[in-house]
Amino acid sequence: MCRNITTLRGLEPPASDEEIRAAAEQFVRKVTGVQSSAAASTREPCERATDEVAEIVTRLLAELPERKQPPKNVPPLRRDDVRARIAERQAARDEHERLHEQGVAHTH
């Protein structure tokens, strides 16, 4: 199993759609070797696959019986440090897009 994918079954509160999608995205990236910055020709099929895997995992988690013990590890999206890093990356992406939209010269 990919070490970046955490156990979602048995979480309290239950795994959110965002956590399920993040796990699905990690799975698709792992099996395809395609990263998020890939060209549109690979990004679109990977996004569709991520959506499908997330739907399957959502159904699967709903159908499985409850766990006797909660998972030992806290999912990354429930940790403050991870949420802060995600927010920083998103702010940088937003700023980069803003520079493109305004035609401002910048480096990549």
C-alpha atoms as a PDB file:
ATOM      1  CA  MET A   1       0.000   0.000   0.000  1.00  0.00           C
ATOM      2  CA  CYS A   2       1.177   3.514  -0.713  1.00  0.00           C
ATOM      3  CA  ARG A   3       2.526   4.883   2.545  1.00  0.00           C
ATOM      4  CA  ASN A   4       0.845   8.258   1.928  1.00  0.00           C
ATOM      5  CA  ILE A   5      -2.637   6.768   1.910  1.00  0.00           C
ATOM      6  CA  THR A   6      -4.052   6.533   5.421  1.00  0.00           C
ATOM      7  CA  THR A   7      -6.804   4.296   6.729  1.00  0.00           C
ATOM      8  CA  LEU A   8     -10.139   6.088   6.485  1.00  0.00           C
ATOM      9  CA  ARG A   9     -12.418   3.389   7.825  1.00  0.00           C
ATOM     10  CA  GLY A  10     -13.396   3.863  11.447  1.00  0.00           C
ATOM     11  CA  LEU A  11     -12.551   7.544  11.783  1.00  0.00           C
ATOM     12  CA  GLU A  12     -14.541   9.705  14.178  1.00  0.00           C
ATOM     13  CA  PRO A  13     -16.002  11.791  12.700  1.00  0.00           C
ATOM     14  CA  PRO A  14     -16.223   9.668   9.537  1.00  0.00           C
ATOM     15  CA  ALA A  15     -13.903  10.406   6.625  1.00  0.00           C
ATOM     16  CA  SER A  16     -14.913  13.542   4.759  1.00  0.00           C
ATOM     17  CA  ASP A  17     -15.362  13.766   0.998  1.00  0.00           C
ATOM     18  CA  GLU A  18     -12.141  15.786   0.912  1.00  0.00           C
ATOM     19  CA  GLU A  19     -10.196  13.041   2.743  1.00  0.00           C
ATOM     20  CA  ILE A  20     -11.610  10.350   0.469  1.00  0.00           C
ATOM     21  CA  ARG A  21     -10.745  12.352  -2.649  1.00  0.00           C
ATOM     22  CA  ALA A  22      -7.206  13.006  -1.379  1.00  0.00           C
ATOM     23  CA  ALA A  23      -6.674   9.272  -0.839  1.00  0.00           C
ATOM     24  CA  ALA A  24      -8.119   8.502  -4.290  1.00  0.00           C
ATOM     25  CA  GLU A  25      -5.821  11.098  -5.866  1.00  0.00           C
ATOM     26  CA  GLN A  26      -2.775   9.597  -4.125  1.00  0.00           C
ATOM     27  CA  PHE A  27      -3.767   6.138  -5.377  1.00  0.00           C
ATOM     28  CA  VAL A  28      -4.208   7.315  -8.978  1.00  0.00           C
ATOM     29  CA  ARG A  29      -0.903   9.206  -8.879  1.00  0.00           C
ATOM     30  CA  LYS A  30       0.890   6.169  -7.493  1.00  0.00           C
ATOM     31  CA  VAL A  31      -0.406   3.666 -10.034  1.00  0.00           C
ATOM     32  CA  THR A  32      -0.002   5.988 -13.049  1.00  0.00           C
ATOM     33  CA  GLY A  33       3.162   7.849 -12.123  1.00  0.00           C
ATOM     34  CA  VAL A  34       1.395  11.063 -13.219  1.00  0.00           C
ATOM     35  CA  GLN A  35       1.754  14.066 -10.912  1.00  0.00           C
ATOM     36  CA  SER A  36      -0.663  16.963 -10.481  1.00  0.00           C
ATOM     37  CA  SER A  37       1.334  19.277 -12.738  1.00  0.00           C
ATOM     38  CA  ALA A  38       0.875  16.970 -15.727  1.00  0.00           C
ATOM     39  CA  ALA A  39      -0.307  18.140 -19.127  1.00  0.00           C
ATOM     40  CA  ALA A  40      -4.022  18.273 -19.905  1.00  0.00           C
ATOM     41  CA  SER A  41      -3.719  15.079 -21.970  1.00  0.00           C
ATOM     42  CA  THR A  42      -2.940  13.116 -18.792  1.00  0.00           C
ATOM     43  CA  ARG A  43      -4.558  15.383 -16.188  1.00  0.00           C
ATOM     44  CA  GLU A  44      -8.125  14.922 -17.457  1.00  0.00           C
ATOM     45  CA  PRO A  45      -8.087  11.082 -17.505  1.00  0.00           C
ATOM     46  CA  CYS A  46      -6.463  11.076 -14.059  1.00  0.00           C
ATOM     47  CA  GLU A  47      -9.101  13.445 -12.677  1.00  0.00           C
ATOM     48  CA  ARG A  48     -11.860  11.193 -14.029  1.00  0.00           C
ATOM     49  CA  ALA A  49     -10.158   8.154 -12.488  1.00  0.00           C
ATOM     50  CA  THR A  50      -9.809   9.989  -9.171  1.00  0.00           C
ATOM     51  CA  ASP A  51     -13.534  10.815  -9.210  1.00  0.00           C
ATOM     52  CA  GLU A  52     -14.410   7.177  -9.911  1.00  0.00           C
ATOM     53  CA  VAL A  53     -12.084   5.805  -7.221  1.00  0.00           C
ATOM     54  CA  ALA A  54     -13.483   8.328  -4.701  1.00  0.00           C
ATOM     55  CA  GLU A  55     -17.045   7.213  -5.507  1.00  0.00           C
ATOM     56  CA  ILE A  56     -16.097   3.558  -5.080  1.00  0.00           C
ATOM     57  CA  VAL A  57     -14.314   4.218  -1.771  1.00  0.00           C
ATOM     58  CA  THR A  58     -17.284   6.226  -0.476  1.00  0.00           C
ATOM     59  CA  ARG A  59     -19.632   3.319  -1.242  1.00  0.00           C
ATOM     60  CA  LEU A  60     -17.200   0.792   0.200  1.00  0.00           C
ATOM     61  CA  LEU A  61     -16.775   2.671   3.479  1.00  0.00           C
ATOM     62  CA  ALA A  62     -20.564   2.946   3.804  1.00  0.00           C
ATOM     63  CA  GLU A  63     -21.020  -0.810   3.263  1.00  0.00           C
ATOM     64  CA  LEU A  64     -18.292  -2.119   5.571  1.00  0.00           C
ATOM     65  CA  PRO A  65     -19.065  -2.923   9.211  1.00  0.00           C
ATOM     66  CA  GLU A  66     -17.699  -0.607  11.897  1.00  0.00           C
ATOM     67  CA  ARG A  67     -14.127  -1.120  13.044  1.00  0.00           C
ATOM     68  CA  LYS A  68     -13.518  -2.355  16.562  1.00  0.00           C
ATOM     69  CA  GLN A  69     -10.601   0.059  16.970  1.00  0.00           C
ATOM     70  CA  PRO A  70     -10.077   3.425  15.302  1.00  0.00           C
ATOM     71  CA  PRO A  71      -7.075   3.786  12.951  1.00  0.00           C
ATOM     72  CA  LYS A  72      -3.764   4.378  14.740  1.00  0.00           C
ATOM     73  CA  ASN A  73      -2.732   7.341  12.570  1.00  0.00           C
ATOM     74  CA  VAL A  74      -4.497  10.666  12.174  1.00  0.00           C
ATOM     75  CA  PRO A  75      -5.194  11.379   8.485  1.00  0.00           C
ATOM     76  CA  PRO A  76      -3.046  14.220   7.133  1.00  0.00           C
ATOM     77  CA  LEU A  77      -6.010  16.488   6.380  1.00  0.00           C
ATOM     78  CA  ARG A  78      -6.896  16.449  10.087  1.00  0.00           C
ATOM     79  CA  ARG A  79      -3.469  17.779  11.129  1.00  0.00           C
ATOM     80  CA  ASP A  80      -3.017  21.537  11.494  1.00  0.00           C
ATOM     81  CA  ASP A  81       0.509  21.550  10.033  1.00  0.00           C
ATOM     82  CA  VAL A  82      -0.649  19.789   6.878  1.00  0.00           C
ATOM     83  CA  ARG A  83      -3.652  22.090   6.472  1.00  0.00           C
ATOM     84  CA  ALA A  84      -1.301  25.090   6.785  1.00  0.00           C
ATOM     85  CA  ARG A  85       1.033  23.703   4.075  1.00  0.00           C
ATOM     86  CA  ILE A  86      -1.923  23.070   1.771  1.00  0.00           C
ATOM     87  CA  ALA A  87      -3.181  26.626   2.307  1.00  0.00           C
ATOM     88  CA  GLU A  88       0.302  28.025   1.558  1.00  0.00           C
ATOM     89  CA  ARG A  89       0.588  26.044  -1.682  1.00  0.00           C
ATOM     90  CA  GLN A  90      -2.895  27.121  -2.760  1.00  0.00           C
ATOM     91  CA  ALA A  91      -2.094  30.772  -2.052  1.00  0.00           C
ATOM     92  CA  ALA A  92       1.090  30.482  -4.133  1.00  0.00           C
ATOM     93  CA  ARG A  93      -0.853  28.862  -7.009  1.00  0.00           C
ATOM     94  CA  ASP A  94      -3.514  31.571  -6.826  1.00  0.00           C
ATOM     95  CA  GLU A  95      -0.858  34.284  -6.918  1.00  0.00           C
ATOM     96  CA  HIS A  96       0.855  32.587  -9.862  1.00  0.00           C
ATOM     97  CA  GLU A  97      -2.441  32.414 -11.772  1.00  0.00           C
ATOM     98  CA  ARG A  98      -3.090  36.079 -10.972  1.00  0.00           C
ATOM     99  CA  LEU A  99       0.301  37.004 -12.469  1.00  0.00           C
ATOM    100  CA  HIS A 100      -0.532  35.050 -15.630  1.00  0.00           C
ATOM    101  CA  GLU A 101      -3.948  36.709 -15.928  1.00  0.00           C
ATOM    102  CA  GLN A 102      -2.408  40.155 -15.579  1.00  0.00           C
ATOM    103  CA  GLY A 103       0.423  39.370 -17.993  1.00  0.00           C
ATOM    104  CA  VAL A 104       3.056  40.148 -15.381  1.00  0.00           C
ATOM    105  CA  ALA A 105       6.522  38.755 -16.127  1.00  0.00           C
ATOM    106  CA  HIS A 106       7.618  36.183 -13.573  1.00  0.00           C
ATOM    107  CA  THR A 107       9.720  33.036 -13.227  1.00  0.00           C
ATOM    108  CA  HIS A 108       8.527  29.453 -13.023  1.00  0.00           C
END
